[in-house]
Amino acid sequence: MADILIRKVPETTKNLLRLRAERRGKSLEADLRDTLEALAHEDAVSPDEIQPFGDWLVTISRPGVDLDDALELLRSAPIRPAALG
């Protein structure tokens, strides 16, 4: 895992984020990590930007895997024309 350090965050902002995390029942660090994860995936053009297709296929091929999340990701991805070439 990588570390990210953000400097010069106003104290008021930090306190508001801490309160937000408390309302969600999480630590400030855990809440910010989850928020950054969601933001990173929000603008992904395709599922391959999140996880390469081969890795995804191996993940969903394991016995007992719940496919609902994987299928939702595919259904929510924007439709793009096939690349010719």
PDB file of N, CA and C in Angstrom:
ATOM      1  N   MET A   1       0.848  -1.183   0.000  1.00  0.00           N
ATOM      2  CA  MET A   1       0.000   0.000   0.000  1.00  0.00           C
ATOM      3  C   MET A   1       0.890   1.242   0.000  1.00  0.00           C
ATOM      4  N   ALA A   2       0.417   2.264  -0.656  1.00  0.00           N
ATOM      5  CA  ALA A   2       1.153   3.529  -0.721  1.00  0.00           C
ATOM      6  C   ALA A   2       0.654   4.474   0.363  1.00  0.00           C
ATOM      7  N   ASP A   3       1.503   5.418   0.721  1.00  0.00           N
ATOM      8  CA  ASP A   3       1.136   6.466   1.676  1.00  0.00           C
ATOM      9  C   ASP A   3       0.948   7.773   0.921  1.00  0.00           C
ATOM     10  N   ILE A   4      -0.003   8.566   1.379  1.00  0.00           N
ATOM     11  CA  ILE A   4      -0.231   9.907   0.842  1.00  0.00           C
ATOM     12  C   ILE A   4      -0.221  10.870   2.020  1.00  0.00           C
ATOM     13  N   LEU A   5       0.542  11.939   1.892  1.00  0.00           N
ATOM     14  CA  LEU A   5       0.601  12.965   2.929  1.00  0.00           C
ATOM     15  C   LEU A   5       0.048  14.245   2.329  1.00  0.00           C
ATOM     16  N   ILE A   6      -0.926  14.835   2.979  1.00  0.00           N
ATOM     17  CA  ILE A   6      -1.515  16.089   2.525  1.00  0.00           C
ATOM     18  C   ILE A   6      -1.213  17.142   3.573  1.00  0.00           C
ATOM     19  N   ARG A   7      -0.485  18.156   3.168  1.00  0.00           N
ATOM     20  CA  ARG A   7      -0.090  19.219   4.096  1.00  0.00           C
ATOM     21  C   ARG A   7      -1.036  20.404   3.987  1.00  0.00           C
ATOM     22  N   LYS A   8      -1.015  21.213   5.032  1.00  0.00           N
ATOM     23  CA  LYS A   8      -1.705  22.498   5.085  1.00  0.00           C
ATOM     24  C   LYS A   8      -3.228  22.366   4.911  1.00  0.00           C
ATOM     25  N   VAL A   9      -3.798  21.347   5.535  1.00  0.00           N
ATOM     26  CA  VAL A   9      -5.260  21.215   5.587  1.00  0.00           C
ATOM     27  C   VAL A   9      -5.738  22.094   6.741  1.00  0.00           C
ATOM     28  N   PRO A  10      -6.680  22.982   6.488  1.00  0.00           N
ATOM     29  CA  PRO A  10      -7.166  23.834   7.579  1.00  0.00           C
ATOM     30  C   PRO A  10      -7.711  22.999   8.745  1.00  0.00           C
ATOM     31  N   GLU A  11      -7.456  23.466   9.953  1.00  0.00           N
ATOM     32  CA  GLU A  11      -7.901  22.750  11.152  1.00  0.00           C
ATOM     33  C   GLU A  11      -9.410  22.535  11.142  1.00  0.00           C
ATOM     34  N   THR A  12     -10.154  23.518  10.672  1.00  0.00           N
ATOM     35  CA  THR A  12     -11.615  23.397  10.594  1.00  0.00           C
ATOM     36  C   THR A  12     -12.008  22.246   9.673  1.00  0.00           C
ATOM     37  N   THR A  13     -11.343  22.144   8.543  1.00  0.00           N
ATOM     38  CA  THR A  13     -11.619  21.060   7.595  1.00  0.00           C
ATOM     39  C   THR A  13     -11.314  19.710   8.225  1.00  0.00           C
ATOM     40  N   LYS A  14     -10.186  19.626   8.893  1.00  0.00           N
ATOM     41  CA  LYS A  14      -9.818  18.366   9.555  1.00  0.00           C
ATOM     42  C   LYS A  14     -10.868  17.980  10.596  1.00  0.00           C
ATOM     43  N   ASN A  15     -11.332  18.929  11.377  1.00  0.00           N
ATOM     44  CA  ASN A  15     -12.343  18.637  12.399  1.00  0.00           C
ATOM     45  C   ASN A  15     -13.659  18.193  11.770  1.00  0.00           C
ATOM     46  N   LEU A  16     -14.051  18.845  10.675  1.00  0.00           N
ATOM     47  CA  LEU A  16     -15.283  18.440   9.988  1.00  0.00           C
ATOM     48  C   LEU A  16     -15.157  17.026   9.416  1.00  0.00           C
ATOM     49  N   LEU A  17     -13.997  16.704   8.876  1.00  0.00           N
ATOM     50  CA  LEU A  17     -13.770  15.348   8.356  1.00  0.00           C
ATOM     51  C   LEU A  17     -13.771  14.314   9.483  1.00  0.00           C
ATOM     52  N   ARG A  18     -13.195  14.672  10.621  1.00  0.00           N
ATOM     53  CA  ARG A  18     -13.192  13.766  11.778  1.00  0.00           C
ATOM     54  C   ARG A  18     -14.623  13.500  12.245  1.00  0.00           C
ATOM     55  N   LEU A  19     -15.450  14.552  12.311  1.00  0.00           N
ATOM     56  CA  LEU A  19     -16.851  14.388  12.707  1.00  0.00           C
ATOM     57  C   LEU A  19     -17.612  13.532  11.705  1.00  0.00           C
ATOM     58  N   ARG A  20     -17.329  13.739  10.427  1.00  0.00           N
ATOM     59  CA  ARG A  20     -17.966  12.926   9.376  1.00  0.00           C
ATOM     60  C   ARG A  20     -17.617  11.451   9.582  1.00  0.00           C
ATOM     61  N   ALA A  21     -16.344  11.175   9.850  1.00  0.00           N
ATOM     62  CA  ALA A  21     -15.907   9.798  10.077  1.00  0.00           C
ATOM     63  C   ALA A  21     -16.592   9.202  11.300  1.00  0.00           C
ATOM     64  N   GLU A  22     -16.718   9.987  12.366  1.00  0.00           N
ATOM     65  CA  GLU A  22     -17.392   9.505  13.577  1.00  0.00           C
ATOM     66  C   GLU A  22     -18.847   9.139  13.282  1.00  0.00           C
ATOM     67  N   ARG A  23     -19.532   9.981  12.501  1.00  0.00           N
ATOM     68  CA  ARG A  23     -20.928   9.684  12.151  1.00  0.00           C
ATOM     69  C   ARG A  23     -21.041   8.375  11.384  1.00  0.00           C
ATOM     70  N   ARG A  24     -20.019   8.046  10.644  1.00  0.00           N
ATOM     71  CA  ARG A  24     -20.016   6.812   9.855  1.00  0.00           C
ATOM     72  C   ARG A  24     -19.461   5.631  10.638  1.00  0.00           C
ATOM     73  N   GLY A  25     -19.043   5.889  11.878  1.00  0.00           N
ATOM     74  CA  GLY A  25     -18.509   4.815  12.716  1.00  0.00           C
ATOM     75  C   GLY A  25     -17.126   4.351  12.297  1.00  0.00           C
ATOM     76  N   LYS A  26     -16.333   5.265  11.733  1.00  0.00           N
ATOM     77  CA  LYS A  26     -15.001   4.914  11.249  1.00  0.00           C
ATOM     78  C   LYS A  26     -13.974   5.875  11.834  1.00  0.00           C
ATOM     79  N   SER A  27     -12.729   5.478  11.717  1.00  0.00           N
ATOM     80  CA  SER A  27     -11.649   6.400  12.067  1.00  0.00           C
ATOM     81  C   SER A  27     -11.506   7.395  10.914  1.00  0.00           C
ATOM     82  N   LEU A  28     -10.870   8.504  11.181  1.00  0.00           N
ATOM     83  CA  LEU A  28     -10.639   9.505  10.139  1.00  0.00           C
ATOM     84  C   LEU A  28      -9.863   8.876   8.987  1.00  0.00           C
ATOM     85  N   GLU A  29      -8.834   8.129   9.307  1.00  0.00           N
ATOM     86  CA  GLU A  29      -8.009   7.497   8.273  1.00  0.00           C
ATOM     87  C   GLU A  29      -8.830   6.529   7.419  1.00  0.00           C
ATOM     88  N   ALA A  30      -9.626   5.670   8.054  1.00  0.00           N
ATOM     89  CA  ALA A  30     -10.428   4.692   7.309  1.00  0.00           C
ATOM     90  C   ALA A  30     -11.457   5.385   6.423  1.00  0.00           C
ATOM     91  N   ASP A  31     -12.098   6.434   6.949  1.00  0.00           N
ATOM     92  CA  ASP A  31     -13.101   7.142   6.162  1.00  0.00           C
ATOM     93  C   ASP A  31     -12.473   7.836   4.958  1.00  0.00           C
ATOM     94  N   LEU A  32     -11.325   8.473   5.174  1.00  0.00           N
ATOM     95  CA  LEU A  32     -10.643   9.132   4.056  1.00  0.00           C
ATOM     96  C   LEU A  32     -10.158   8.118   3.029  1.00  0.00           C
ATOM     97  N   ARG A  33      -9.675   6.972   3.485  1.00  0.00           N
ATOM     98  CA  ARG A  33      -9.236   5.921   2.565  1.00  0.00           C
ATOM     99  C   ARG A  33     -10.404   5.449   1.700  1.00  0.00           C
ATOM    100  N   ASP A  34     -11.558   5.195   2.323  1.00  0.00           N
ATOM    101  CA  ASP A  34     -12.745   4.765   1.574  1.00  0.00           C
ATOM    102  C   ASP A  34     -13.204   5.839   0.590  1.00  0.00           C
ATOM    103  N   THR A  35     -13.153   7.094   1.024  1.00  0.00           N
ATOM    104  CA  THR A  35     -13.565   8.206   0.161  1.00  0.00           C
ATOM    105  C   THR A  35     -12.637   8.334  -1.035  1.00  0.00           C
ATOM    106  N   LEU A  36     -11.328   8.241  -0.812  1.00  0.00           N
ATOM    107  CA  LEU A  36     -10.373   8.316  -1.914  1.00  0.00           C
ATOM    108  C   LEU A  36     -10.548   7.148  -2.882  1.00  0.00           C
ATOM    109  N   GLU A  37     -10.811   5.976  -2.350  1.00  0.00           N
ATOM    110  CA  GLU A  37     -11.043   4.791  -3.195  1.00  0.00           C
ATOM    111  C   GLU A  37     -12.253   5.016  -4.096  1.00  0.00           C
ATOM    112  N   ALA A  38     -13.339   5.518  -3.527  1.00  0.00           N
ATOM    113  CA  ALA A  38     -14.550   5.785  -4.310  1.00  0.00           C
ATOM    114  C   ALA A  38     -14.293   6.851  -5.366  1.00  0.00           C
ATOM    115  N   LEU A  39     -13.587   7.908  -5.010  1.00  0.00           N
ATOM    116  CA  LEU A  39     -13.285   8.967  -5.970  1.00  0.00           C
ATOM    117  C   LEU A  39     -12.405   8.466  -7.109  1.00  0.00           C
ATOM    118  N   ALA A  40     -11.457   7.632  -6.803  1.00  0.00           N
ATOM    119  CA  ALA A  40     -10.558   7.110  -7.835  1.00  0.00           C
ATOM    120  C   ALA A  40     -11.319   6.273  -8.858  1.00  0.00           C
ATOM    121  N   HIS A  41     -12.316   5.524  -8.403  1.00  0.00           N
ATOM    122  CA  HIS A  41     -13.076   4.675  -9.314  1.00  0.00           C
ATOM    123  C   HIS A  41     -14.204   5.418 -10.015  1.00  0.00           C
ATOM    124  N   GLU A  42     -14.589   6.561  -9.488  1.00  0.00           N
ATOM    125  CA  GLU A  42     -15.730   7.306 -10.003  1.00  0.00           C
ATOM    126  C   GLU A  42     -15.559   7.700 -11.470  1.00  0.00           C
ATOM    127  N   ASP A  43     -14.390   8.123 -11.861  1.00  0.00           N
ATOM    128  CA  ASP A  43     -14.154   8.600 -13.217  1.00  0.00           C
ATOM    129  C   ASP A  43     -13.462   7.581 -14.112  1.00  0.00           C
ATOM    130  N   ALA A  44     -13.383   6.345 -13.685  1.00  0.00           N
ATOM    131  CA  ALA A  44     -12.743   5.328 -14.514  1.00  0.00           C
ATOM    132  C   ALA A  44     -13.540   5.160 -15.804  1.00  0.00           C
ATOM    133  N   VAL A  45     -12.840   5.109 -16.906  1.00  0.00           N
ATOM    134  CA  VAL A  45     -13.491   4.996 -18.206  1.00  0.00           C
ATOM    135  C   VAL A  45     -14.032   3.589 -18.418  1.00  0.00           C
ATOM    136  N   SER A  46     -13.336   2.604 -17.912  1.00  0.00           N
ATOM    137  CA  SER A  46     -13.762   1.221 -18.106  1.00  0.00           C
ATOM    138  C   SER A  46     -13.354   0.389 -16.899  1.00  0.00           C
ATOM    139  N   PRO A  47     -13.973  -0.773 -16.758  1.00  0.00           N
ATOM    140  CA  PRO A  47     -13.547  -1.656 -15.663  1.00  0.00           C
ATOM    141  C   PRO A  47     -12.071  -2.040 -15.743  1.00  0.00           C
ATOM    142  N   ASP A  48     -11.492  -2.065 -16.961  1.00  0.00           N
ATOM    143  CA  ASP A  48     -10.076  -2.408 -17.093  1.00  0.00           C
ATOM    144  C   ASP A  48      -9.164  -1.395 -16.417  1.00  0.00           C
ATOM    145  N   GLU A  49      -9.602  -0.152 -16.253  1.00  0.00           N
ATOM    146  CA  GLU A  49      -8.791   0.831 -15.544  1.00  0.00           C
ATOM    147  C   GLU A  49      -8.744   0.515 -14.060  1.00  0.00           C
ATOM    148  N   ILE A  50      -9.770  -0.132 -13.559  1.00  0.00           N
ATOM    149  CA  ILE A  50      -9.835  -0.488 -12.149  1.00  0.00           C
ATOM    150  C   ILE A  50      -9.092  -1.798 -11.907  1.00  0.00           C
ATOM    151  N   GLN A  51      -9.374  -2.786 -12.746  1.00  0.00           N
ATOM    152  CA  GLN A  51      -8.743  -4.097 -12.615  1.00  0.00           C
ATOM    153  C   GLN A  51      -8.679  -4.715 -14.007  1.00  0.00           C
ATOM    154  N   PRO A  52      -7.502  -5.142 -14.473  1.00  0.00           N
ATOM    155  CA  PRO A  52      -7.408  -5.744 -15.800  1.00  0.00           C
ATOM    156  C   PRO A  52      -8.365  -6.928 -15.943  1.00  0.00           C
ATOM    157  N   PHE A  53      -8.882  -7.122 -17.143  1.00  0.00           N
ATOM    158  CA  PHE A  53      -9.908  -8.137 -17.387  1.00  0.00           C
ATOM    159  C   PHE A  53      -9.478  -9.525 -16.924  1.00  0.00           C
ATOM    160  N   GLY A  54      -8.249  -9.902 -17.206  1.00  0.00           N
ATOM    161  CA  GLY A  54      -7.780 -11.231 -16.805  1.00  0.00           C
ATOM    162  C   GLY A  54      -7.826 -11.426 -15.297  1.00  0.00           C
ATOM    163  N   ASP A  55      -7.391 -10.419 -14.554  1.00  0.00           N
ATOM    164  CA  ASP A  55      -7.437 -10.490 -13.092  1.00  0.00           C
ATOM    165  C   ASP A  55      -8.877 -10.580 -12.608  1.00  0.00           C
ATOM    166  N   TRP A  56      -9.749  -9.772 -13.221  1.00  0.00           N
ATOM    167  CA  TRP A  56     -11.167  -9.775 -12.849  1.00  0.00           C
ATOM    168  C   TRP A  56     -11.782 -11.145 -13.116  1.00  0.00           C
ATOM    169  N   LEU A  57     -11.463 -11.734 -14.265  1.00  0.00           N
ATOM    170  CA  LEU A  57     -12.029 -13.034 -14.632  1.00  0.00           C
ATOM    171  C   LEU A  57     -11.603 -14.111 -13.638  1.00  0.00           C
ATOM    172  N   VAL A  58     -10.343 -14.092 -13.235  1.00  0.00           N
ATOM    173  CA  VAL A  58      -9.861 -15.053 -12.236  1.00  0.00           C
ATOM    174  C   VAL A  58     -10.613 -14.849 -10.924  1.00  0.00           C
ATOM    175  N   THR A  59     -10.798 -13.594 -10.522  1.00  0.00           N
ATOM    176  CA  THR A  59     -11.477 -13.274  -9.270  1.00  0.00           C
ATOM    177  C   THR A  59     -12.898 -13.807  -9.245  1.00  0.00           C
ATOM    178  N   ILE A  60     -13.658 -13.607 -10.333  1.00  0.00           N
ATOM    179  CA  ILE A  60     -15.058 -14.035 -10.333  1.00  0.00           C
ATOM    180  C   ILE A  60     -15.228 -15.519 -10.633  1.00  0.00           C
ATOM    181  N   SER A  61     -14.159 -16.186 -11.056  1.00  0.00           N
ATOM    182  CA  SER A  61     -14.250 -17.613 -11.405  1.00  0.00           C
ATOM    183  C   SER A  61     -14.104 -18.536 -10.198  1.00  0.00           C
ATOM    184  N   ARG A  62     -13.763 -17.971  -9.060  1.00  0.00           N
ATOM    185  CA  ARG A  62     -13.560 -18.805  -7.877  1.00  0.00           C
ATOM    186  C   ARG A  62     -14.902 -19.298  -7.347  1.00  0.00           C
ATOM    187  N   PRO A  63     -14.944 -20.529  -6.854  1.00  0.00           N
ATOM    188  CA  PRO A  63     -16.200 -21.066  -6.307  1.00  0.00           C
ATOM    189  C   PRO A  63     -16.708 -20.227  -5.138  1.00  0.00           C
ATOM    190  N   GLY A  64     -18.006 -20.019  -5.094  1.00  0.00           N
ATOM    191  CA  GLY A  64     -18.631 -19.318  -3.982  1.00  0.00           C
ATOM    192  C   GLY A  64     -18.589 -17.807  -4.080  1.00  0.00           C
ATOM    193  N   VAL A  65     -18.103 -17.261  -5.180  1.00  0.00           N
ATOM    194  CA  VAL A  65     -18.007 -15.805  -5.336  1.00  0.00           C
ATOM    195  C   VAL A  65     -19.385 -15.239  -5.659  1.00  0.00           C
ATOM    196  N   ASP A  66     -19.734 -14.138  -4.992  1.00  0.00           N
ATOM    197  CA  ASP A  66     -20.987 -13.434  -5.269  1.00  0.00           C
ATOM    198  C   ASP A  66     -20.757 -12.542  -6.485  1.00  0.00           C
ATOM    199  N   LEU A  67     -21.465 -12.784  -7.561  1.00  0.00           N
ATOM    200  CA  LEU A  67     -21.238 -12.066  -8.808  1.00  0.00           C
ATOM    201  C   LEU A  67     -21.983 -10.748  -8.910  1.00  0.00           C
ATOM    202  N   ASP A  68     -22.819 -10.410  -7.928  1.00  0.00           N
ATOM    203  CA  ASP A  68     -23.628  -9.193  -8.019  1.00  0.00           C
ATOM    204  C   ASP A  68     -22.776  -7.941  -8.213  1.00  0.00           C
ATOM    205  N   ASP A  69     -21.702  -7.780  -7.437  1.00  0.00           N
ATOM    206  CA  ASP A  69     -20.852  -6.589  -7.563  1.00  0.00           C
ATOM    207  C   ASP A  69     -20.166  -6.543  -8.925  1.00  0.00           C
ATOM    208  N   ALA A  70     -19.662  -7.693  -9.375  1.00  0.00           N
ATOM    209  CA  ALA A  70     -18.968  -7.740 -10.664  1.00  0.00           C
ATOM    210  C   ALA A  70     -19.916  -7.398 -11.807  1.00  0.00           C
ATOM    211  N   LEU A  71     -21.120  -7.932 -11.756  1.00  0.00           N
ATOM    212  CA  LEU A  71     -22.091  -7.647 -12.808  1.00  0.00           C
ATOM    213  C   LEU A  71     -22.554  -6.202 -12.768  1.00  0.00           C
ATOM    214  N   GLU A  72     -22.716  -5.642 -11.585  1.00  0.00           N
ATOM    215  CA  GLU A  72     -23.115  -4.236 -11.467  1.00  0.00           C
ATOM    216  C   GLU A  72     -22.050  -3.322 -12.069  1.00  0.00           C
ATOM    217  N   LEU A  73     -20.785  -3.640 -11.850  1.00  0.00           N
ATOM    218  CA  LEU A  73     -19.706  -2.855 -12.420  1.00  0.00           C
ATOM    219  C   LEU A  73     -19.772  -2.879 -13.942  1.00  0.00           C
ATOM    220  N   LEU A  74     -20.002  -4.041 -14.511  1.00  0.00           N
ATOM    221  CA  LEU A  74     -20.102  -4.142 -15.964  1.00  0.00           C
ATOM    222  C   LEU A  74     -21.315  -3.394 -16.492  1.00  0.00           C
ATOM    223  N   ARG A  75     -22.427  -3.518 -15.819  1.00  0.00           N
ATOM    224  CA  ARG A  75     -23.653  -2.860 -16.273  1.00  0.00           C
ATOM    225  C   ARG A  75     -23.574  -1.337 -16.181  1.00  0.00           C
ATOM    226  N   SER A  76     -22.806  -0.841 -15.229  1.00  0.00           N
ATOM    227  CA  SER A  76     -22.728   0.608 -15.039  1.00  0.00           C
ATOM    228  C   SER A  76     -21.643   1.263 -15.882  1.00  0.00           C
ATOM    229  N   ALA A  77     -20.788   0.473 -16.514  1.00  0.00           N
ATOM    230  CA  ALA A  77     -19.715   1.039 -17.338  1.00  0.00           C
ATOM    231  C   ALA A  77     -20.309   1.668 -18.593  1.00  0.00           C
ATOM    232  N   PRO A  78     -19.728   2.792 -19.035  1.00  0.00           N
ATOM    233  CA  PRO A  78     -20.234   3.424 -20.250  1.00  0.00           C
ATOM    234  C   PRO A  78     -20.025   2.528 -21.466  1.00  0.00           C
ATOM    235  N   ILE A  79     -20.942   2.604 -22.402  1.00  0.00           N
ATOM    236  CA  ILE A  79     -20.834   1.831 -23.634  1.00  0.00           C
ATOM    237  C   ILE A  79     -19.896   2.573 -24.569  1.00  0.00           C
ATOM    238  N   ARG A  80     -18.903   1.846 -25.061  1.00  0.00           N
ATOM    239  CA  ARG A  80     -17.937   2.448 -25.967  1.00  0.00           C
ATOM    240  C   ARG A  80     -17.836   1.599 -27.222  1.00  0.00           C
ATOM    241  N   PRO A  81     -17.620   2.219 -28.366  1.00  0.00           N
ATOM    242  CA  PRO A  81     -17.452   1.425 -29.586  1.00  0.00           C
ATOM    243  C   PRO A  81     -16.167   0.594 -29.501  1.00  0.00           C
ATOM    244  N   ALA A  82     -16.173  -0.541 -30.157  1.00  0.00           N
ATOM    245  CA  ALA A  82     -14.993  -1.404 -30.166  1.00  0.00           C
ATOM    246  C   ALA A  82     -13.881  -0.709 -30.943  1.00  0.00           C
ATOM    247  N   ALA A  83     -12.680  -0.849 -30.453  1.00  0.00           N
ATOM    248  CA  ALA A  83     -11.528  -0.277 -31.143  1.00  0.00           C
ATOM    249  C   ALA A  83     -11.190  -1.160 -32.339  1.00  0.00           C
ATOM    250  N   LEU A  84     -11.009  -0.562 -33.475  1.00  0.00           N
ATOM    251  CA  LEU A  84     -10.632  -1.305 -34.672  1.00  0.00           C
ATOM    252  C   LEU A  84      -9.119  -1.254 -34.838  1.00  0.00           C
ATOM    253  N   GLY A  85      -8.574  -2.365 -35.216  1.00  0.00           N
ATOM    254  CA  GLY A  85      -7.136  -2.285 -35.445  1.00  0.00           C
ATOM    255  C   GLY A  85      -6.400  -3.479 -35.210  1.00  0.00           C
TER     256      GLY A  85
END
